[in-house]
Structure formats: structure tokens, C-alpha cells
Amino acid sequence: KSERNITENFINKLYNMAREVPDEELLGQAKKCLIDYLGVVFAGATTQKMRIESYLDSYNHENGQAIVFGIGRYTNPLNAAFLNAMNAHTVELDDGHRYGMLHLGAPIMSALFAAASLGKIHAKDFMKGIIVGYEAAVLLARAIQPNHKLRGYHATGTCGTIGAAMGI
């Protein structure tokens, strides 16, 4: 049996986590993250309402099944994910990870809600998506920080994107 490299260990950990049933402590933490996200996305939408309305009007995004939180309008999932992520990070009160130097909810939860708009997702699968997405983003960010930031990259956009993909 050959030794696994760091990438294989990373992927295997996330794969196994995605297959396991999360314990109550993890689910409780995921629920807190969800509440935090909803608070900051609505706060951000309040401060950005005119810009978001203008964006939606200029691109004629009246049709769609994904909600833009705090605005009460729907658009396609891609635009909803973008706008909700922007709103969640706008007021700089969103959750974060100190050593990973990133904010997790903005990219991960926005992508999960956009994906959920495409079809029925069981609440437990949604919560598992939060857990796996956060774990992926934090593991990756901790592995590359602080050099990532020193080179001018923001882990919310880079590692958060990977966390979003893993959560979905």
C-alpha cells in the first residue's frame, strides 16, 4: 500500500465526511452559521438595495427561481448566488476563520441556497453541505495562509469557492 499525498488525504477526508451522518454538535454549529449568514445577508441587502435593484433591472432578471435575500426578487441561481454572497460580505460581520483568513458563509451558503432553488434538497443534506463546504474551505485556507494573502489573494474568493463546490 502506497502512502497518500496531502491532496489525496484532503479529498478522502471530505469524501468520508460527506458520507457520514453529522453528529448533533456539528449540526448545532452549522445551524449557528446559517443564522449568522441570514443575518448578514439581510443586513447587506439593506445597504445595497438600490445597487441590486439597478443590477436586476438592467439585466432584466425578473425571471428565475432563486431569491435575492432582503430584496424580495427572484433571478437565476447564478445571479442570486453572486448577489447574496456580495450582500453577506458587505457589512463585514459575516463569519470567519482566523487562521484561514477567510469568510465562509458568503460563498458557501449563497451557493447552497442557489443550488437548492433548482430542486428539492432535504434539510439534512443542506446542513451537511454547510459542514463539508466549511471544512473544505478551512482546511485549504489554513494550508496556504498566510502566503496566499501576502501574494494579494483573498481566501474568501479562492478557498470559499472550493468550499462552495464541495458543499453542493
Protein backbone atom coordinates (compact mmCIF):
# COMPACT_ATOMS: atom_id res chain seq x y z
CA LYS A 1 0.00 0.00 0.00
CA SER A 2 1.50 3.31 -1.06
CA GLU A 3 1.44 6.42 1.07
CA ARG A 4 -1.14 9.03 0.18
CA ASN A 5 -0.13 12.56 -0.59
CA ILE A 6 -1.66 15.63 1.02
CA THR A 7 -4.19 16.09 -1.81
CA GLU A 8 -5.43 12.52 -1.52
CA ASN A 9 -5.76 12.91 2.25
CA PHE A 10 -7.73 16.13 1.75
CA ILE A 11 -10.11 14.57 -0.76
CA ASN A 12 -10.56 11.36 1.24
CA LYS A 13 -11.36 13.29 4.43
CA LEU A 14 -14.03 15.33 2.66
CA TYR A 15 -15.43 12.30 0.84
CA ASN A 16 -15.77 10.39 4.10
CA MET A 17 -17.27 13.40 5.84
CA ALA A 18 -19.86 13.75 3.07
CA ARG A 19 -20.89 10.12 3.53
CA GLU A 20 -21.18 10.25 7.33
CA VAL A 21 -24.15 11.39 9.34
CA PRO A 22 -23.08 14.54 11.20
CA ASP A 23 -23.36 14.46 14.97
CA GLU A 24 -25.59 16.87 16.90
CA GLU A 25 -22.69 19.14 17.85
CA LEU A 26 -21.71 19.66 14.21
CA LEU A 27 -25.33 20.22 13.20
CA GLY A 28 -25.70 22.74 16.00
CA GLN A 29 -22.66 24.65 14.78
CA ALA A 30 -23.95 24.54 11.19
CA LYS A 31 -27.28 25.98 12.38
CA LYS A 32 -25.43 28.85 14.08
CA CYS A 33 -23.56 29.53 10.85
CA LEU A 34 -26.84 29.52 8.93
CA ILE A 35 -28.40 32.04 11.33
CA ASP A 36 -25.29 34.22 11.06
CA TYR A 37 -25.47 34.08 7.28
CA LEU A 38 -29.13 35.05 7.17
CA GLY A 39 -28.48 38.00 9.47
CA VAL A 40 -25.60 39.38 7.44
CA VAL A 41 -27.18 38.75 4.04
CA PHE A 42 -30.26 40.74 5.06
CA ALA A 43 -28.12 43.49 6.60
CA GLY A 44 -26.01 43.69 3.46
CA ALA A 45 -29.07 43.75 1.23
CA THR A 46 -30.37 46.73 3.17
CA THR A 47 -27.20 48.70 2.46
CA GLN A 48 -27.01 47.59 -1.19
CA LYS A 49 -30.71 47.60 -2.13
CA MET A 50 -30.55 50.36 -4.77
CA ARG A 51 -27.48 48.83 -6.47
CA ILE A 52 -29.02 45.38 -6.53
CA GLU A 53 -32.33 46.67 -7.88
CA SER A 54 -30.43 48.55 -10.59
CA TYR A 55 -28.41 45.45 -11.46
CA LEU A 56 -31.51 43.27 -11.68
CA ASP A 57 -33.38 45.89 -13.73
CA SER A 58 -30.51 46.47 -16.17
CA TYR A 59 -30.14 42.80 -16.96
CA ASN A 60 -33.87 42.08 -16.93
CA HIS A 61 -33.57 39.37 -14.30
CA GLU A 62 -37.25 39.21 -13.47
CA ASN A 63 -37.50 35.53 -14.23
CA GLY A 64 -35.91 32.92 -12.08
CA GLN A 65 -36.48 30.70 -9.14
CA ALA A 66 -33.65 31.82 -6.83
CA ILE A 67 -34.32 34.55 -4.29
CA VAL A 68 -32.12 37.54 -3.63
CA PHE A 69 -32.47 37.79 0.15
CA GLY A 70 -33.62 41.11 1.55
CA ILE A 71 -34.79 42.37 -1.83
CA GLY A 72 -37.76 40.07 -2.38
CA ARG A 73 -36.95 39.48 -6.01
CA TYR A 74 -36.05 36.35 -7.87
CA THR A 75 -33.42 35.75 -10.52
CA ASN A 76 -31.48 32.84 -11.92
CA PRO A 77 -29.39 30.82 -9.45
CA LEU A 78 -26.04 32.16 -10.71
CA ASN A 79 -27.01 35.79 -10.18
CA ALA A 80 -28.70 35.01 -6.87
CA ALA A 81 -25.54 33.31 -5.61
CA PHE A 82 -23.44 36.28 -6.70
CA LEU A 83 -25.74 38.93 -5.20
CA ASN A 84 -26.37 37.04 -1.96
CA ALA A 85 -22.64 36.43 -1.49
CA MET A 86 -21.93 40.10 -2.10
CA ASN A 87 -24.61 41.10 0.41
CA ALA A 88 -23.40 38.62 3.02
CA HIS A 89 -19.89 40.07 2.91
CA THR A 90 -20.82 43.76 2.53
CA VAL A 91 -21.14 44.74 6.20
CA GLU A 92 -18.03 42.74 7.22
CA LEU A 93 -19.87 41.00 10.05
CA ASP A 94 -20.03 37.59 8.40
CA ASP A 95 -18.47 34.54 9.99
CA GLY A 96 -14.79 33.95 9.52
CA HIS A 97 -11.86 31.76 10.36
CA ARG A 98 -8.89 33.48 11.94
CA TYR A 99 -6.10 31.22 10.75
CA GLY A 100 -7.63 30.60 7.34
CA MET A 101 -8.17 34.34 6.93
CA LEU A 102 -11.47 33.89 5.14
CA HIS A 103 -15.20 34.41 5.49
CA LEU A 104 -17.08 31.19 4.86
CA GLY A 105 -20.81 31.80 4.74
CA ALA A 106 -20.86 34.33 1.93
CA PRO A 107 -19.64 32.00 -0.82
CA ILE A 108 -20.74 28.65 0.62
CA MET A 109 -24.27 29.40 1.81
CA SER A 110 -25.03 31.59 -1.19
CA ALA A 111 -24.13 28.70 -3.48
CA LEU A 112 -26.12 26.23 -1.39
CA PHE A 113 -29.26 28.38 -1.48
CA ALA A 114 -28.87 28.90 -5.23
CA ALA A 115 -28.49 25.15 -5.76
CA ALA A 116 -31.47 24.47 -3.51
CA SER A 117 -33.60 26.73 -5.72
CA LEU A 118 -33.14 24.24 -8.56
CA GLY A 119 -34.91 21.43 -6.77
CA LYS A 120 -35.88 19.92 -3.50
CA ILE A 121 -32.99 19.42 -1.12
CA HIS A 122 -33.63 17.80 2.21
CA ALA A 123 -32.69 20.00 5.18
CA LYS A 124 -30.19 17.42 6.41
CA ASP A 125 -28.41 17.45 3.06
CA PHE A 126 -28.35 21.24 3.13
CA MET A 127 -26.82 21.19 6.61
CA LYS A 128 -24.30 18.56 5.54
CA GLY A 129 -23.39 20.83 2.62
CA ILE A 130 -22.58 23.60 5.10
CA ILE A 131 -20.42 21.26 7.16
CA VAL A 132 -18.49 19.79 4.24
CA GLY A 133 -18.16 23.13 2.47
CA TYR A 134 -16.82 24.86 5.56
CA GLU A 135 -14.40 22.05 6.29
CA ALA A 136 -13.05 22.07 2.73
CA ALA A 137 -12.55 25.84 2.71
CA VAL A 138 -10.94 25.97 6.14
CA LEU A 139 -8.58 23.06 5.51
CA LEU A 140 -7.44 24.55 2.25
CA ALA A 141 -7.12 28.09 3.58
CA ARG A 142 -5.13 27.01 6.62
CA ALA A 143 -2.77 25.08 4.38
CA ILE A 144 -1.94 28.09 2.20
CA GLN A 145 -2.09 31.03 4.61
CA PRO A 146 -0.50 33.50 5.26
CA ASN A 147 1.40 33.37 1.96
CA HIS A 148 -1.83 33.40 -0.04
CA LYS A 149 -2.85 36.73 1.47
CA LEU A 150 0.68 38.12 1.25
CA ARG A 151 0.57 37.48 -2.52
CA GLY A 152 -2.62 39.52 -2.81
CA TYR A 153 -5.27 36.80 -2.81
CA HIS A 154 -8.37 36.74 -0.62
CA ALA A 155 -9.15 33.23 0.59
CA THR A 156 -12.87 34.00 0.71
CA GLY A 157 -12.85 34.13 -3.09
CA THR A 158 -10.43 31.28 -3.69
CA CYS A 159 -10.89 28.76 -0.91
CA GLY A 160 -14.52 29.80 -0.39
CA THR A 161 -15.24 28.87 -3.99
CA ILE A 162 -13.85 25.37 -3.42
CA GLY A 163 -15.88 25.11 -0.22
CA ALA A 164 -18.99 26.13 -2.14
CA ALA A 165 -18.38 23.49 -4.78
CA MET A 166 -17.75 20.82 -2.16
CA GLY A 167 -20.87 21.82 -0.23
CA ILE A 168 -23.11 21.46 -3.23
